[in-house]
N, C-alpha and C. Protein backbone atom coordinates (compact mmCIF):
# COMPACT_ATOMS: atom_id res chain seq x y z
N MET A 1 47.30 -132.42 90.04
CA MET A 1 48.45 -132.43 90.90
C MET A 1 49.04 -131.03 90.94
N THR A 2 49.23 -130.50 92.13
CA THR A 2 49.83 -129.18 92.26
C THR A 2 51.15 -129.31 92.99
N THR A 3 52.12 -128.58 92.54
CA THR A 3 53.41 -128.53 93.20
C THR A 3 53.72 -127.09 93.51
N LYS A 4 54.35 -126.87 94.65
CA LYS A 4 54.72 -125.51 95.03
C LYS A 4 56.16 -125.26 94.63
N VAL A 5 56.37 -124.15 93.99
CA VAL A 5 57.69 -123.80 93.50
C VAL A 5 58.07 -122.46 94.10
N GLY A 6 59.27 -122.36 94.64
CA GLY A 6 59.74 -121.09 95.18
C GLY A 6 60.13 -120.15 94.05
N VAL A 7 59.62 -118.94 94.09
CA VAL A 7 59.94 -117.95 93.06
C VAL A 7 60.31 -116.64 93.73
N ARG A 8 61.12 -115.86 93.04
CA ARG A 8 61.50 -114.54 93.55
C ARG A 8 60.81 -113.48 92.72
N SER A 9 60.22 -112.49 93.41
CA SER A 9 59.56 -111.40 92.71
C SER A 9 60.60 -110.39 92.26
N ALA A 10 60.14 -109.36 91.57
CA ALA A 10 61.05 -108.31 91.09
C ALA A 10 61.71 -107.58 92.26
N LYS A 11 61.07 -107.55 93.41
CA LYS A 11 61.63 -106.88 94.59
C LYS A 11 62.59 -107.79 95.35
N GLY A 12 62.71 -109.03 94.93
CA GLY A 12 63.61 -109.97 95.58
C GLY A 12 62.96 -110.77 96.69
N GLU A 13 61.64 -110.67 96.84
CA GLU A 13 60.95 -111.40 97.89
C GLU A 13 60.70 -112.83 97.44
N LEU A 14 60.88 -113.76 98.34
CA LEU A 14 60.65 -115.16 98.03
C LEU A 14 59.18 -115.48 98.26
N GLY A 15 58.53 -116.11 97.30
CA GLY A 15 57.12 -116.48 97.43
C GLY A 15 56.90 -117.86 96.85
N TRP A 16 55.68 -118.32 96.94
CA TRP A 16 55.33 -119.64 96.43
C TRP A 16 54.31 -119.50 95.33
N HIS A 17 54.47 -120.29 94.31
CA HIS A 17 53.56 -120.28 93.17
C HIS A 17 53.11 -121.71 92.93
N GLU A 18 51.82 -121.91 92.85
CA GLU A 18 51.29 -123.26 92.60
C GLU A 18 51.17 -123.49 91.11
N THR A 19 51.80 -124.53 90.64
CA THR A 19 51.70 -124.92 89.24
C THR A 19 50.71 -126.07 89.14
N GLY A 20 49.98 -126.14 88.07
CA GLY A 20 49.06 -127.24 87.87
C GLY A 20 47.61 -126.87 88.10
N ARG A 21 47.33 -125.95 89.00
CA ARG A 21 45.93 -125.58 89.28
C ARG A 21 45.31 -124.89 88.08
N LYS A 22 46.08 -124.06 87.41
CA LYS A 22 45.56 -123.36 86.24
C LYS A 22 45.22 -124.36 85.13
N ARG A 23 46.07 -125.33 84.95
CA ARG A 23 45.83 -126.35 83.94
C ARG A 23 44.57 -127.14 84.25
N ASP A 24 44.38 -127.48 85.54
CA ASP A 24 43.19 -128.24 85.94
C ASP A 24 41.92 -127.44 85.72
N MET A 25 41.99 -126.13 85.94
CA MET A 25 40.80 -125.30 85.73
C MET A 25 40.44 -125.21 84.25
N TRP A 26 41.42 -125.07 83.38
CA TRP A 26 41.13 -125.03 81.93
C TRP A 26 40.56 -126.37 81.48
N ARG A 27 41.13 -127.45 82.00
CA ARG A 27 40.63 -128.76 81.62
C ARG A 27 39.18 -128.93 82.07
N SER A 28 38.86 -128.51 83.28
CA SER A 28 37.49 -128.61 83.79
C SER A 28 36.53 -127.75 82.98
N PHE A 29 37.00 -126.56 82.60
CA PHE A 29 36.17 -125.65 81.82
C PHE A 29 35.80 -126.27 80.47
N PHE A 30 36.80 -126.77 79.74
CA PHE A 30 36.53 -127.36 78.43
C PHE A 30 35.76 -128.66 78.56
N LEU A 31 35.98 -129.41 79.61
CA LEU A 31 35.21 -130.63 79.84
C LEU A 31 33.74 -130.30 80.04
N ALA A 32 33.44 -129.27 80.81
CA ALA A 32 32.05 -128.86 81.05
C ALA A 32 31.39 -128.36 79.76
N ILE A 33 32.11 -127.57 78.97
CA ILE A 33 31.56 -127.07 77.71
C ILE A 33 31.28 -128.24 76.76
N GLY A 34 32.18 -129.20 76.68
CA GLY A 34 31.98 -130.36 75.81
C GLY A 34 30.79 -131.20 76.22
N ILE A 35 30.63 -131.42 77.53
CA ILE A 35 29.49 -132.20 78.02
C ILE A 35 28.19 -131.45 77.74
N PHE A 36 28.19 -130.13 77.96
CA PHE A 36 27.01 -129.32 77.69
C PHE A 36 26.60 -129.41 76.23
N LEU A 37 27.57 -129.30 75.32
CA LEU A 37 27.25 -129.37 73.89
C LEU A 37 26.70 -130.74 73.50
N CYS A 38 27.28 -131.80 74.06
CA CYS A 38 26.77 -133.15 73.77
C CYS A 38 25.34 -133.33 74.27
N ILE A 39 25.06 -132.88 75.48
CA ILE A 39 23.71 -133.00 76.03
C ILE A 39 22.72 -132.17 75.21
N LEU A 40 23.11 -130.96 74.84
CA LEU A 40 22.24 -130.11 74.03
C LEU A 40 21.97 -130.76 72.67
N GLY A 41 22.97 -131.40 72.08
CA GLY A 41 22.79 -132.10 70.81
C GLY A 41 21.83 -133.27 70.92
N VAL A 42 21.96 -134.05 71.99
CA VAL A 42 21.06 -135.20 72.19
C VAL A 42 19.64 -134.71 72.43
N GLU A 43 19.50 -133.63 73.19
CA GLU A 43 18.16 -133.09 73.44
C GLU A 43 17.52 -132.58 72.14
N SER A 44 18.29 -131.90 71.32
CA SER A 44 17.71 -131.37 70.08
C SER A 44 17.44 -132.50 69.08
N LEU A 45 18.10 -133.64 69.24
CA LEU A 45 17.80 -134.80 68.40
C LEU A 45 16.49 -135.45 68.84
N ALA A 46 16.22 -135.39 70.14
CA ALA A 46 15.05 -136.08 70.69
C ALA A 46 13.76 -135.28 70.55
N ILE A 47 13.86 -133.97 70.47
CA ILE A 47 12.63 -133.17 70.42
C ILE A 47 12.39 -132.62 69.01
N GLU A 48 11.13 -132.35 68.72
CA GLU A 48 10.78 -131.75 67.44
C GLU A 48 10.76 -130.23 67.55
N LYS A 49 10.22 -129.75 68.69
CA LYS A 49 10.22 -128.32 68.96
C LYS A 49 10.08 -128.11 70.45
N ALA A 50 10.56 -126.96 70.92
CA ALA A 50 10.45 -126.59 72.33
C ALA A 50 9.58 -125.36 72.42
N VAL A 51 8.62 -125.37 73.33
CA VAL A 51 7.72 -124.24 73.53
C VAL A 51 8.04 -123.63 74.89
N LEU A 52 8.45 -122.37 74.89
CA LEU A 52 8.80 -121.66 76.12
C LEU A 52 7.66 -120.71 76.49
N HIS A 53 7.14 -120.88 77.67
CA HIS A 53 6.09 -120.00 78.18
C HIS A 53 6.72 -119.07 79.21
N SER A 54 6.33 -117.80 79.17
CA SER A 54 6.85 -116.87 80.17
C SER A 54 6.04 -117.04 81.45
N GLN A 55 6.65 -116.67 82.57
CA GLN A 55 5.94 -116.76 83.84
C GLN A 55 4.89 -115.66 83.90
N GLN A 56 3.70 -116.03 84.26
CA GLN A 56 2.61 -115.07 84.31
C GLN A 56 2.62 -114.37 85.67
N ALA A 57 2.47 -113.06 85.64
CA ALA A 57 2.41 -112.30 86.88
C ALA A 57 1.14 -112.67 87.63
N PRO A 58 1.20 -112.68 88.95
CA PRO A 58 -0.02 -113.02 89.71
C PRO A 58 -1.11 -111.99 89.47
N ALA A 59 -2.33 -112.44 89.44
CA ALA A 59 -3.47 -111.54 89.19
C ALA A 59 -3.62 -110.58 90.36
N SER A 60 -3.96 -109.38 90.05
CA SER A 60 -4.14 -108.38 91.12
C SER A 60 -5.42 -108.66 91.88
N THR A 61 -5.52 -108.08 93.05
CA THR A 61 -6.70 -108.32 93.90
C THR A 61 -7.92 -107.53 93.44
N THR A 62 -7.72 -106.59 92.52
CA THR A 62 -8.85 -105.79 92.05
C THR A 62 -9.64 -106.49 90.96
N GLY A 63 -9.21 -107.64 90.52
CA GLY A 63 -9.95 -108.37 89.52
C GLY A 63 -9.55 -108.03 88.09
N GLN A 64 -8.51 -107.24 87.90
CA GLN A 64 -8.08 -106.92 86.54
C GLN A 64 -7.29 -108.09 85.96
N PHE A 65 -7.47 -108.27 84.68
CA PHE A 65 -6.76 -109.36 84.00
C PHE A 65 -5.39 -108.86 83.55
N THR A 66 -4.42 -109.74 83.61
CA THR A 66 -3.07 -109.39 83.13
C THR A 66 -2.84 -110.09 81.80
N ARG A 67 -2.13 -109.41 80.91
CA ARG A 67 -1.80 -110.01 79.62
C ARG A 67 -0.55 -110.86 79.77
N SER A 68 -0.63 -112.06 79.29
CA SER A 68 0.55 -112.92 79.34
C SER A 68 1.29 -112.79 78.02
N ALA A 69 2.59 -112.94 78.10
CA ALA A 69 3.41 -112.86 76.89
C ALA A 69 3.16 -114.10 76.04
N PRO A 70 3.26 -113.97 74.73
CA PRO A 70 3.03 -115.13 73.87
C PRO A 70 4.13 -116.19 74.06
N ALA A 71 3.75 -117.42 73.85
CA ALA A 71 4.71 -118.51 73.97
C ALA A 71 5.71 -118.43 72.82
N ARG A 72 6.93 -118.80 73.10
CA ARG A 72 8.00 -118.76 72.09
C ARG A 72 8.35 -120.19 71.70
N GLU A 73 8.31 -120.46 70.41
CA GLU A 73 8.63 -121.80 69.91
C GLU A 73 10.03 -121.81 69.32
N ILE A 74 10.79 -122.82 69.69
CA ILE A 74 12.13 -123.01 69.14
C ILE A 74 12.14 -124.36 68.42
N THR A 75 12.38 -124.33 67.13
CA THR A 75 12.49 -125.56 66.34
C THR A 75 13.94 -125.70 65.88
N PRO A 76 14.66 -126.70 66.39
CA PRO A 76 16.06 -126.83 65.99
C PRO A 76 16.16 -127.25 64.52
N PRO A 77 17.10 -126.65 63.78
CA PRO A 77 17.28 -127.06 62.39
C PRO A 77 17.76 -128.51 62.31
N GLU A 78 17.65 -129.08 61.14
CA GLU A 78 17.98 -130.49 60.95
C GLU A 78 19.46 -130.78 61.22
N TRP A 79 20.33 -129.82 60.98
CA TRP A 79 21.77 -130.04 61.15
C TRP A 79 22.23 -129.80 62.59
N ALA A 80 21.42 -129.20 63.43
CA ALA A 80 21.84 -128.80 64.77
C ALA A 80 22.25 -129.97 65.69
N PRO A 81 21.48 -131.05 65.78
CA PRO A 81 21.87 -132.11 66.72
C PRO A 81 23.25 -132.70 66.42
N TRP A 82 23.49 -132.99 65.16
CA TRP A 82 24.76 -133.63 64.81
C TRP A 82 25.93 -132.67 64.96
N THR A 83 25.71 -131.40 64.65
CA THR A 83 26.77 -130.40 64.79
C THR A 83 27.10 -130.19 66.26
N LEU A 84 26.09 -130.10 67.11
CA LEU A 84 26.33 -129.90 68.54
C LEU A 84 27.02 -131.11 69.16
N MET A 85 26.57 -132.31 68.81
CA MET A 85 27.19 -133.51 69.38
C MET A 85 28.63 -133.67 68.92
N SER A 86 28.90 -133.45 67.63
CA SER A 86 30.27 -133.62 67.15
C SER A 86 31.19 -132.54 67.70
N SER A 87 30.68 -131.32 67.82
CA SER A 87 31.50 -130.25 68.42
C SER A 87 31.79 -130.57 69.89
N GLY A 88 30.81 -131.09 70.59
CA GLY A 88 31.01 -131.47 71.98
C GLY A 88 32.05 -132.56 72.14
N VAL A 89 32.04 -133.54 71.25
CA VAL A 89 33.03 -134.62 71.33
C VAL A 89 34.43 -134.08 71.03
N VAL A 90 34.54 -133.19 70.07
CA VAL A 90 35.85 -132.60 69.75
C VAL A 90 36.38 -131.81 70.94
N VAL A 91 35.52 -131.04 71.59
CA VAL A 91 35.95 -130.27 72.76
C VAL A 91 36.31 -131.21 73.91
N LEU A 92 35.57 -132.30 74.09
CA LEU A 92 35.92 -133.28 75.13
C LEU A 92 37.29 -133.89 74.86
N LEU A 93 37.55 -134.28 73.62
CA LEU A 93 38.86 -134.84 73.28
C LEU A 93 39.97 -133.82 73.50
N TYR A 94 39.69 -132.56 73.19
CA TYR A 94 40.67 -131.51 73.42
C TYR A 94 40.95 -131.36 74.91
N SER A 95 39.91 -131.46 75.74
CA SER A 95 40.12 -131.29 77.18
C SER A 95 40.98 -132.41 77.76
N PHE A 96 40.91 -133.60 77.18
CA PHE A 96 41.75 -134.70 77.68
C PHE A 96 43.20 -134.56 77.24
N THR A 97 43.48 -133.77 76.22
CA THR A 97 44.87 -133.60 75.77
C THR A 97 45.52 -132.36 76.35
N ILE A 98 44.81 -131.55 77.11
CA ILE A 98 45.39 -130.32 77.68
C ILE A 98 46.59 -130.63 78.58
N PRO A 99 46.54 -131.61 79.49
CA PRO A 99 47.73 -131.85 80.32
C PRO A 99 48.97 -132.18 79.50
N ARG A 100 48.83 -132.91 78.41
CA ARG A 100 49.97 -133.24 77.57
C ARG A 100 50.53 -132.00 76.89
N ARG A 101 49.64 -131.10 76.47
CA ARG A 101 50.07 -129.88 75.81
C ARG A 101 50.85 -128.97 76.76
N VAL A 102 50.42 -128.92 78.02
CA VAL A 102 51.08 -128.05 79.00
C VAL A 102 52.44 -128.60 79.36
N ARG A 103 52.58 -129.90 79.51
CA ARG A 103 53.87 -130.52 79.85
C ARG A 103 54.88 -130.35 78.74
N GLN A 104 54.43 -130.36 77.48
CA GLN A 104 55.36 -130.24 76.36
C GLN A 104 55.94 -128.86 76.25
N SER A 105 55.20 -127.82 76.65
CA SER A 105 55.73 -126.46 76.50
C SER A 105 56.58 -126.03 77.66
């Protein structure tokens, strides 16, 4: 919810300032971070390891071979899934309390 409030600048000019939009943006930001952490935690709980392959450059027309970069393996530690999921839930709960915090101040 946004409300327009008339404010006067230092020069005495009357302008409009929208209240509430800033609060909504912070809430959306923390909500997105919390959801991302929860999803990342669930993914790291479901997989044993992730293998990342780099994109191979197309072979040249002269018949020369190109060297591909080695694959990179990521193995999440045993504590990572639970830490990511719990941190995500805490950030989600924080994002739901932001409107109350702004109204109180």
